[in-house]
Amino acid sequence: MALSMDKLLGIQQHTLGVRTQRAELIANNIANADTPGYKAKGLDFQQALQQAQRGMENHKMARTHEKHFSVEIKPQGTEKFRVPTQPDTGDGNTVDVQLEQNLYAQNALEYEMTMNFLDGRISGVKKALGGQGR
């Protein structure tokens, strides 16, 4: 009986990638909190997860020559501008730092939960195969 990674890891492998993408977006928002005209971005988690499951996320084109550029196709439509929760301060920036910090902390906890789940799943398989899950 062959054991596929998709069956072993399930949706969690895709969830981890989407949570990583979400962390990058939030960190970028925080880094641009003082940039005039910067618009805060969010991630449509469900849509990004569906696209990751279909194998579209981080799909790379094959390089046939060493001088070719490495091209990566990102999922379309998952990044969206966030609706501002605070009045415009006059510079056009829509980043709410407190909101972004809260979202980052929540995403970090969810990322850790996903990692713990995957670790438990892999440890279980190692035990089943006789490695005792060291």
C-alpha atoms as a PDB file:
ATOM      1  CA  MET A   1       0.000   0.000   0.000  1.00  0.00           C
ATOM      2  CA  ALA A   2       1.507   3.317  -1.078  1.00  0.00           C
ATOM      3  CA  LEU A   3       1.254   6.272   1.257  1.00  0.00           C
ATOM      4  CA  SER A   4       0.787   9.606  -0.502  1.00  0.00           C
ATOM      5  CA  MET A   5       1.723  12.905   1.125  1.00  0.00           C
ATOM      6  CA  ASP A   6      -1.713  14.310   0.298  1.00  0.00           C
ATOM      7  CA  LYS A   7      -3.407  11.540   2.246  1.00  0.00           C
ATOM      8  CA  LEU A   8      -0.891  11.752   5.085  1.00  0.00           C
ATOM      9  CA  LEU A   9      -0.926  15.514   5.585  1.00  0.00           C
ATOM     10  CA  GLY A  10      -4.387  16.333   4.267  1.00  0.00           C
ATOM     11  CA  ILE A  11      -5.464  19.937   4.008  1.00  0.00           C
ATOM     12  CA  GLN A  12      -2.973  21.025   6.676  1.00  0.00           C
ATOM     13  CA  GLN A  13      -0.065  21.161   4.228  1.00  0.00           C
ATOM     14  CA  HIS A  14      -1.975  23.689   2.143  1.00  0.00           C
ATOM     15  CA  THR A  15      -3.144  25.579   5.225  1.00  0.00           C
ATOM     16  CA  LEU A  16       0.456  26.090   6.308  1.00  0.00           C
ATOM     17  CA  GLY A  17       1.378  27.717   2.998  1.00  0.00           C
ATOM     18  CA  VAL A  18      -1.623  30.047   3.094  1.00  0.00           C
ATOM     19  CA  ARG A  19      -0.872  31.044   6.707  1.00  0.00           C
ATOM     20  CA  THR A  20       2.696  31.861   5.645  1.00  0.00           C
ATOM     21  CA  GLN A  21       1.395  34.019   2.789  1.00  0.00           C
ATOM     22  CA  ARG A  22      -0.996  35.747   5.197  1.00  0.00           C
ATOM     23  CA  ALA A  23       1.832  36.466   7.676  1.00  0.00           C
ATOM     24  CA  GLU A  24       3.860  38.090   4.891  1.00  0.00           C
ATOM     25  CA  LEU A  25       0.943  40.336   3.905  1.00  0.00           C
ATOM     26  CA  ILE A  26       0.296  41.432   7.487  1.00  0.00           C
ATOM     27  CA  ALA A  27       4.002  42.076   8.124  1.00  0.00           C
ATOM     28  CA  ASN A  28       4.112  44.154   4.939  1.00  0.00           C
ATOM     29  CA  ASN A  29       1.124  46.181   6.154  1.00  0.00           C
ATOM     30  CA  ILE A  30       2.831  46.862   9.499  1.00  0.00           C
ATOM     31  CA  ALA A  31       6.089  47.815   7.765  1.00  0.00           C
ATOM     32  CA  ASN A  32       4.201  50.356   5.628  1.00  0.00           C
ATOM     33  CA  ALA A  33       2.125  51.862   8.435  1.00  0.00           C
ATOM     34  CA  ASP A  34       3.792  55.255   7.937  1.00  0.00           C
ATOM     35  CA  THR A  35       3.950  55.184   4.138  1.00  0.00           C
ATOM     36  CA  PRO A  36       1.659  57.870   2.695  1.00  0.00           C
ATOM     37  CA  GLY A  37      -0.948  56.441   0.334  1.00  0.00           C
ATOM     38  CA  TYR A  38      -0.300  52.809   1.292  1.00  0.00           C
ATOM     39  CA  LYS A  39      -3.455  50.688   1.278  1.00  0.00           C
ATOM     40  CA  ALA A  40      -3.621  47.796   3.753  1.00  0.00           C
ATOM     41  CA  LYS A  41      -4.065  44.378   2.135  1.00  0.00           C
ATOM     42  CA  GLY A  42      -5.769  41.298   3.421  1.00  0.00           C
ATOM     43  CA  LEU A  43      -6.032  37.720   2.270  1.00  0.00           C
ATOM     44  CA  ASP A  44      -9.168  35.827   1.334  1.00  0.00           C
ATOM     45  CA  PHE A  45      -8.148  32.744   3.317  1.00  0.00           C
ATOM     46  CA  GLN A  46     -10.803  30.389   1.936  1.00  0.00           C
ATOM     47  CA  GLN A  47     -10.099  31.333  -1.666  1.00  0.00           C
ATOM     48  CA  ALA A  48      -6.328  31.037  -1.182  1.00  0.00           C
ATOM     49  CA  LEU A  49      -6.761  27.641   0.475  1.00  0.00           C
ATOM     50  CA  GLN A  50      -8.945  26.385  -2.372  1.00  0.00           C
ATOM     51  CA  GLN A  51      -6.369  27.508  -4.924  1.00  0.00           C
ATOM     52  CA  ALA A  52      -3.561  25.875  -2.932  1.00  0.00           C
ATOM     53  CA  GLN A  53      -5.502  22.619  -2.844  1.00  0.00           C
ATOM     54  CA  ARG A  54      -5.843  22.735  -6.612  1.00  0.00           C
ATOM     55  CA  GLY A  55      -2.072  22.991  -6.819  1.00  0.00           C
ATOM     56  CA  MET A  56      -1.931  26.545  -8.130  1.00  0.00           C
ATOM     57  CA  GLU A  57       0.019  28.105  -5.275  1.00  0.00           C
ATOM     58  CA  ASN A  58       3.744  28.564  -5.854  1.00  0.00           C
ATOM     59  CA  HIS A  59       3.555  26.652  -9.112  1.00  0.00           C
ATOM     60  CA  LYS A  60       6.889  27.104 -10.853  1.00  0.00           C
ATOM     61  CA  MET A  61       7.569  26.927 -14.547  1.00  0.00           C
ATOM     62  CA  ALA A  62      10.395  24.633 -15.621  1.00  0.00           C
ATOM     63  CA  ARG A  63      13.679  26.320 -16.521  1.00  0.00           C
ATOM     64  CA  THR A  64      15.146  24.854 -19.682  1.00  0.00           C
ATOM     65  CA  HIS A  65      18.310  26.967 -19.703  1.00  0.00           C
ATOM     66  CA  GLU A  66      20.460  28.383 -16.894  1.00  0.00           C
ATOM     67  CA  LYS A  67      20.034  31.931 -18.238  1.00  0.00           C
ATOM     68  CA  HIS A  68      16.249  31.767 -18.028  1.00  0.00           C
ATOM     69  CA  PHE A  69      14.503  33.538 -15.187  1.00  0.00           C
ATOM     70  CA  SER A  70      12.841  31.485 -12.493  1.00  0.00           C
ATOM     71  CA  VAL A  71       9.132  32.284 -12.812  1.00  0.00           C
ATOM     72  CA  GLU A  72       6.568  31.730 -10.107  1.00  0.00           C
ATOM     73  CA  ILE A  73       2.818  31.909 -10.666  1.00  0.00           C
ATOM     74  CA  LYS A  74       0.971  33.271  -7.664  1.00  0.00           C
ATOM     75  CA  PRO A  75      -2.723  32.614  -7.078  1.00  0.00           C
ATOM     76  CA  GLN A  76      -4.909  35.370  -8.464  1.00  0.00           C
ATOM     77  CA  GLY A  77      -7.578  37.178  -6.496  1.00  0.00           C
ATOM     78  CA  THR A  78      -6.562  36.154  -2.989  1.00  0.00           C
ATOM     79  CA  GLU A  79      -5.021  39.507  -2.021  1.00  0.00           C
ATOM     80  CA  LYS A  80      -7.578  42.214  -1.443  1.00  0.00           C
ATOM     81  CA  PHE A  81      -7.486  45.733  -0.094  1.00  0.00           C
ATOM     82  CA  ARG A  82      -8.866  46.000   3.412  1.00  0.00           C
ATOM     83  CA  VAL A  83     -11.780  48.279   4.202  1.00  0.00           C
ATOM     84  CA  PRO A  84     -10.400  50.939   6.564  1.00  0.00           C
ATOM     85  CA  THR A  85     -11.632  50.792  10.165  1.00  0.00           C
ATOM     86  CA  GLN A  86     -10.429  54.273  11.034  1.00  0.00           C
ATOM     87  CA  PRO A  87     -10.960  57.719   9.513  1.00  0.00           C
ATOM     88  CA  ASP A  88      -8.452  58.944   6.954  1.00  0.00           C
ATOM     89  CA  THR A  89      -5.654  60.904   8.615  1.00  0.00           C
ATOM     90  CA  GLY A  90      -5.022  62.884   5.446  1.00  0.00           C
ATOM     91  CA  ASP A  91      -2.126  60.894   4.024  1.00  0.00           C
ATOM     92  CA  GLY A  92      -4.252  58.164   2.403  1.00  0.00           C
ATOM     93  CA  ASN A  93      -2.735  55.347   4.462  1.00  0.00           C
ATOM     94  CA  THR A  94      -5.308  52.737   5.596  1.00  0.00           C
ATOM     95  CA  VAL A  95      -3.148  50.653   7.963  1.00  0.00           C
ATOM     96  CA  ASP A  96      -4.494  50.239  11.504  1.00  0.00           C
ATOM     97  CA  VAL A  97      -1.370  49.064  13.359  1.00  0.00           C
ATOM     98  CA  GLN A  98      -3.255  47.644  16.350  1.00  0.00           C
ATOM     99  CA  LEU A  99      -5.545  45.622  14.086  1.00  0.00           C
ATOM    100  CA  GLU A 100      -2.571  44.337  12.063  1.00  0.00           C
ATOM    101  CA  GLN A 101      -0.686  43.338  15.226  1.00  0.00           C
ATOM    102  CA  ASN A 102      -3.732  41.439  16.487  1.00  0.00           C
ATOM    103  CA  LEU A 103      -4.162  39.703  13.131  1.00  0.00           C
ATOM    104  CA  TYR A 104      -0.465  38.803  13.085  1.00  0.00           C
ATOM    105  CA  ALA A 105      -0.645  37.306  16.589  1.00  0.00           C
ATOM    106  CA  GLN A 106      -3.770  35.319  15.675  1.00  0.00           C
ATOM    107  CA  ASN A 107      -2.153  34.058  12.479  1.00  0.00           C
ATOM    108  CA  ALA A 108       0.995  33.058  14.406  1.00  0.00           C
ATOM    109  CA  LEU A 109      -1.092  31.001  16.845  1.00  0.00           C
ATOM    110  CA  GLU A 110      -2.973  29.336  13.993  1.00  0.00           C
ATOM    111  CA  TYR A 111       0.334  28.618  12.225  1.00  0.00           C
ATOM    112  CA  GLU A 112       1.692  27.006  15.389  1.00  0.00           C
ATOM    113  CA  MET A 113      -1.474  24.906  15.774  1.00  0.00           C
ATOM    114  CA  THR A 114      -1.098  23.687  12.193  1.00  0.00           C
ATOM    115  CA  MET A 115       2.563  22.822  12.788  1.00  0.00           C
ATOM    116  CA  ASN A 116       1.669  20.910  15.964  1.00  0.00           C
ATOM    117  CA  PHE A 117      -1.028  18.990  14.089  1.00  0.00           C
ATOM    118  CA  LEU A 118       1.396  18.079  11.302  1.00  0.00           C
ATOM    119  CA  ASP A 119       4.054  17.080  13.834  1.00  0.00           C
ATOM    120  CA  GLY A 120       1.568  14.790  15.577  1.00  0.00           C
ATOM    121  CA  ARG A 121       0.494  13.257  12.278  1.00  0.00           C
ATOM    122  CA  ILE A 122       4.094  12.584  11.208  1.00  0.00           C
ATOM    123  CA  SER A 123       5.004  11.190  14.642  1.00  0.00           C
ATOM    124  CA  GLY A 124       2.033   8.846  14.441  1.00  0.00           C
ATOM    125  CA  VAL A 125       3.121   7.550  11.045  1.00  0.00           C
ATOM    126  CA  LYS A 126       6.689   7.061  12.296  1.00  0.00           C
ATOM    127  CA  LYS A 127       5.368   5.020  15.222  1.00  0.00           C
ATOM    128  CA  ALA A 128       3.199   2.970  12.916  1.00  0.00           C
ATOM    129  CA  LEU A 129       6.179   2.238  10.691  1.00  0.00           C
ATOM    130  CA  GLY A 130       8.251   1.102  13.676  1.00  0.00           C
ATOM    131  CA  GLY A 131      10.406   4.168  14.219  1.00  0.00           C
ATOM    132  CA  GLN A 132       8.716   4.941  17.557  1.00  0.00           C
ATOM    133  CA  GLY A 133       8.456   8.650  16.565  1.00  0.00           C
ATOM    134  CA  ARG A 134      11.706   9.852  18.150  1.00  0.00           C
END
